């Protein structure tokens, strides 16, 4: 095969792979539950803040 044809095919397959992975990641992100941060206050850290 011609070298330019091989490079062109590699670029095409690369672009197809990038498009497919972006679509897959977008669909997975929609299914993922939204995480909510939880505030945890430890007694020793509160004591250290009062000492300052």
N, C-alpha and C. Protein backbone atom coordinates (compact mmCIF):
# COMPACT_ATOMS: atom_id res chain seq x y z
N UNK A 1 0.84 -1.19 0.00
CA UNK A 1 0.00 0.00 0.00
C UNK A 1 0.87 1.24 0.00
N UNK A 2 0.29 2.30 -0.44
CA UNK A 2 0.99 3.57 -0.49
C UNK A 2 1.12 4.16 0.92
N UNK A 3 2.23 4.82 1.21
CA UNK A 3 2.48 5.37 2.54
C UNK A 3 1.46 6.45 2.89
N UNK A 4 1.15 7.31 1.93
CA UNK A 4 0.16 8.35 2.21
C UNK A 4 -1.21 7.78 2.52
N UNK A 5 -1.57 6.70 1.86
CA UNK A 5 -2.84 6.04 2.13
C UNK A 5 -2.86 5.46 3.54
N UNK A 6 -1.76 4.86 3.96
CA UNK A 6 -1.67 4.28 5.31
C UNK A 6 -1.77 5.37 6.37
N UNK A 7 -1.10 6.48 6.15
CA UNK A 7 -1.17 7.60 7.10
C UNK A 7 -2.59 8.15 7.14
N UNK A 8 -3.22 8.29 6.00
CA UNK A 8 -4.60 8.76 5.94
C UNK A 8 -5.55 7.84 6.68
N UNK A 9 -5.38 6.53 6.51
CA UNK A 9 -6.23 5.58 7.22
C UNK A 9 -6.00 5.65 8.73
N UNK A 10 -4.75 5.81 9.14
CA UNK A 10 -4.45 5.91 10.57
C UNK A 10 -5.10 7.16 11.17
N UNK A 11 -5.04 8.26 10.45
CA UNK A 11 -5.66 9.50 10.93
C UNK A 11 -7.17 9.33 11.01
N UNK A 12 -7.76 8.72 10.00
CA UNK A 12 -9.21 8.51 10.01
C UNK A 12 -9.65 7.63 11.17
N UNK A 13 -8.94 6.52 11.38
CA UNK A 13 -9.29 5.64 12.50
C UNK A 13 -9.07 6.33 13.84
N UNK A 14 -8.05 7.17 13.92
CA UNK A 14 -7.82 7.93 15.14
C UNK A 14 -8.96 8.89 15.43
N UNK A 15 -9.42 9.59 14.40
CA UNK A 15 -10.53 10.52 14.59
C UNK A 15 -11.82 9.80 14.96
N UNK A 16 -12.04 8.66 14.35
CA UNK A 16 -13.23 7.86 14.69
C UNK A 16 -13.14 7.39 16.14
N UNK A 17 -11.96 6.98 16.57
CA UNK A 17 -11.77 6.54 17.96
C UNK A 17 -11.99 7.67 18.95
N UNK A 18 -11.50 8.85 18.64
CA UNK A 18 -11.70 10.00 19.53
C UNK A 18 -13.18 10.35 19.63
N UNK A 19 -13.88 10.37 18.51
CA UNK A 19 -15.31 10.69 18.52
C UNK A 19 -16.10 9.65 19.31
N UNK A 20 -15.75 8.38 19.14
CA UNK A 20 -16.47 7.32 19.84
C UNK A 20 -16.21 7.39 21.35
N UNK A 21 -14.99 7.66 21.74
CA UNK A 21 -14.68 7.71 23.17
C UNK A 21 -15.34 8.92 23.82
N UNK A 22 -15.39 10.07 23.11
CA UNK A 22 -16.08 11.24 23.67
C UNK A 22 -17.56 10.95 23.87
N UNK A 23 -18.18 10.29 22.90
CA UNK A 23 -19.59 9.96 23.00
C UNK A 23 -19.83 8.98 24.16
N UNK A 24 -18.97 7.99 24.28
CA UNK A 24 -19.11 7.01 25.36
C UNK A 24 -18.94 7.66 26.72
N UNK A 25 -17.93 8.52 26.87
CA UNK A 25 -17.72 9.19 28.16
C UNK A 25 -18.88 10.11 28.50
N UNK A 26 -19.45 10.77 27.50
CA UNK A 26 -20.60 11.65 27.76
C UNK A 26 -21.79 10.84 28.26
N UNK A 27 -22.03 9.69 27.66
CA UNK A 27 -23.14 8.85 28.10
C UNK A 27 -22.91 8.30 29.50
N UNK A 28 -21.68 7.91 29.81
CA UNK A 28 -21.38 7.41 31.15
C UNK A 28 -21.52 8.50 32.21
N UNK A 29 -21.14 9.73 31.86
CA UNK A 29 -21.25 10.84 32.82
C UNK A 29 -22.70 11.13 33.15
N UNK A 30 -23.60 10.99 32.18
CA UNK A 30 -25.03 11.23 32.43
C UNK A 30 -25.60 10.18 33.38
N UNK A 31 -25.10 8.96 33.33
CA UNK A 31 -25.62 7.89 34.17
C UNK A 31 -25.05 7.93 35.58
N UNK A 32 -23.92 8.63 35.76
CA UNK A 32 -23.25 8.64 37.05
C UNK A 32 -24.03 9.51 38.03
N UNK A 33 -24.25 9.02 39.26
CA UNK A 33 -24.96 9.85 40.24
C UNK A 33 -24.09 11.04 40.65
N UNK A 34 -24.74 12.16 40.91
CA UNK A 34 -24.01 13.36 41.31
C UNK A 34 -23.57 13.23 42.76
N UNK A 35 -22.30 13.48 43.00
CA UNK A 35 -21.75 13.37 44.35
C UNK A 35 -21.90 14.71 45.08
N UNK A 36 -22.24 14.62 46.34
CA UNK A 36 -22.42 15.82 47.16
C UNK A 36 -21.34 15.80 48.22
N UNK A 37 -20.56 16.88 48.37
CA UNK A 37 -19.52 16.89 49.39
C UNK A 37 -20.13 16.89 50.79
N UNK A 38 -19.48 16.17 51.68
CA UNK A 38 -19.93 16.07 53.06
C UNK A 38 -18.91 16.76 53.94
N UNK A 39 -19.36 17.70 54.77
CA UNK A 39 -18.45 18.42 55.65
C UNK A 39 -18.27 17.62 56.93
N UNK A 40 -17.01 17.33 57.25
CA UNK A 40 -16.69 16.56 58.44
C UNK A 40 -15.85 17.45 59.34
N UNK A 41 -16.29 17.63 60.58
CA UNK A 41 -15.55 18.45 61.53
C UNK A 41 -15.03 17.54 62.64
N UNK A 42 -13.71 17.37 62.67
CA UNK A 42 -13.12 16.51 63.69
C UNK A 42 -12.84 17.33 64.95
N UNK A 43 -13.02 16.77 66.10
CA UNK A 43 -12.81 17.51 67.36
C UNK A 43 -11.37 18.03 67.51
N UNK A 44 -10.35 17.24 67.10
CA UNK A 44 -8.98 17.70 67.28
C UNK A 44 -8.65 18.89 66.38
N UNK A 45 -9.25 18.95 65.20
CA UNK A 45 -8.98 20.10 64.33
C UNK A 45 -9.66 21.35 64.87
N UNK A 46 -10.82 21.19 65.49
CA UNK A 46 -11.49 22.34 66.09
C UNK A 46 -10.70 22.86 67.28
N UNK A 47 -10.10 21.97 68.03
CA UNK A 47 -9.28 22.39 69.18
C UNK A 47 -8.04 23.13 68.70
N UNK A 48 -7.46 22.72 67.62
CA UNK A 48 -6.28 23.39 67.08
C UNK A 48 -6.63 24.79 66.60
N UNK A 49 -7.82 24.96 66.05
CA UNK A 49 -8.23 26.27 65.58
C UNK A 49 -8.46 27.23 66.75
N UNK A 50 -8.96 26.71 67.87
CA UNK A 50 -9.20 27.56 69.04
C UNK A 50 -7.89 28.00 69.68
N UNK A 51 -6.85 27.18 69.56
CA UNK A 51 -5.55 27.51 70.17
C UNK A 51 -4.86 28.66 69.47
N UNK A 52 -5.19 28.95 68.27
CA UNK A 52 -4.50 30.00 67.51
C UNK A 52 -4.81 31.37 68.01
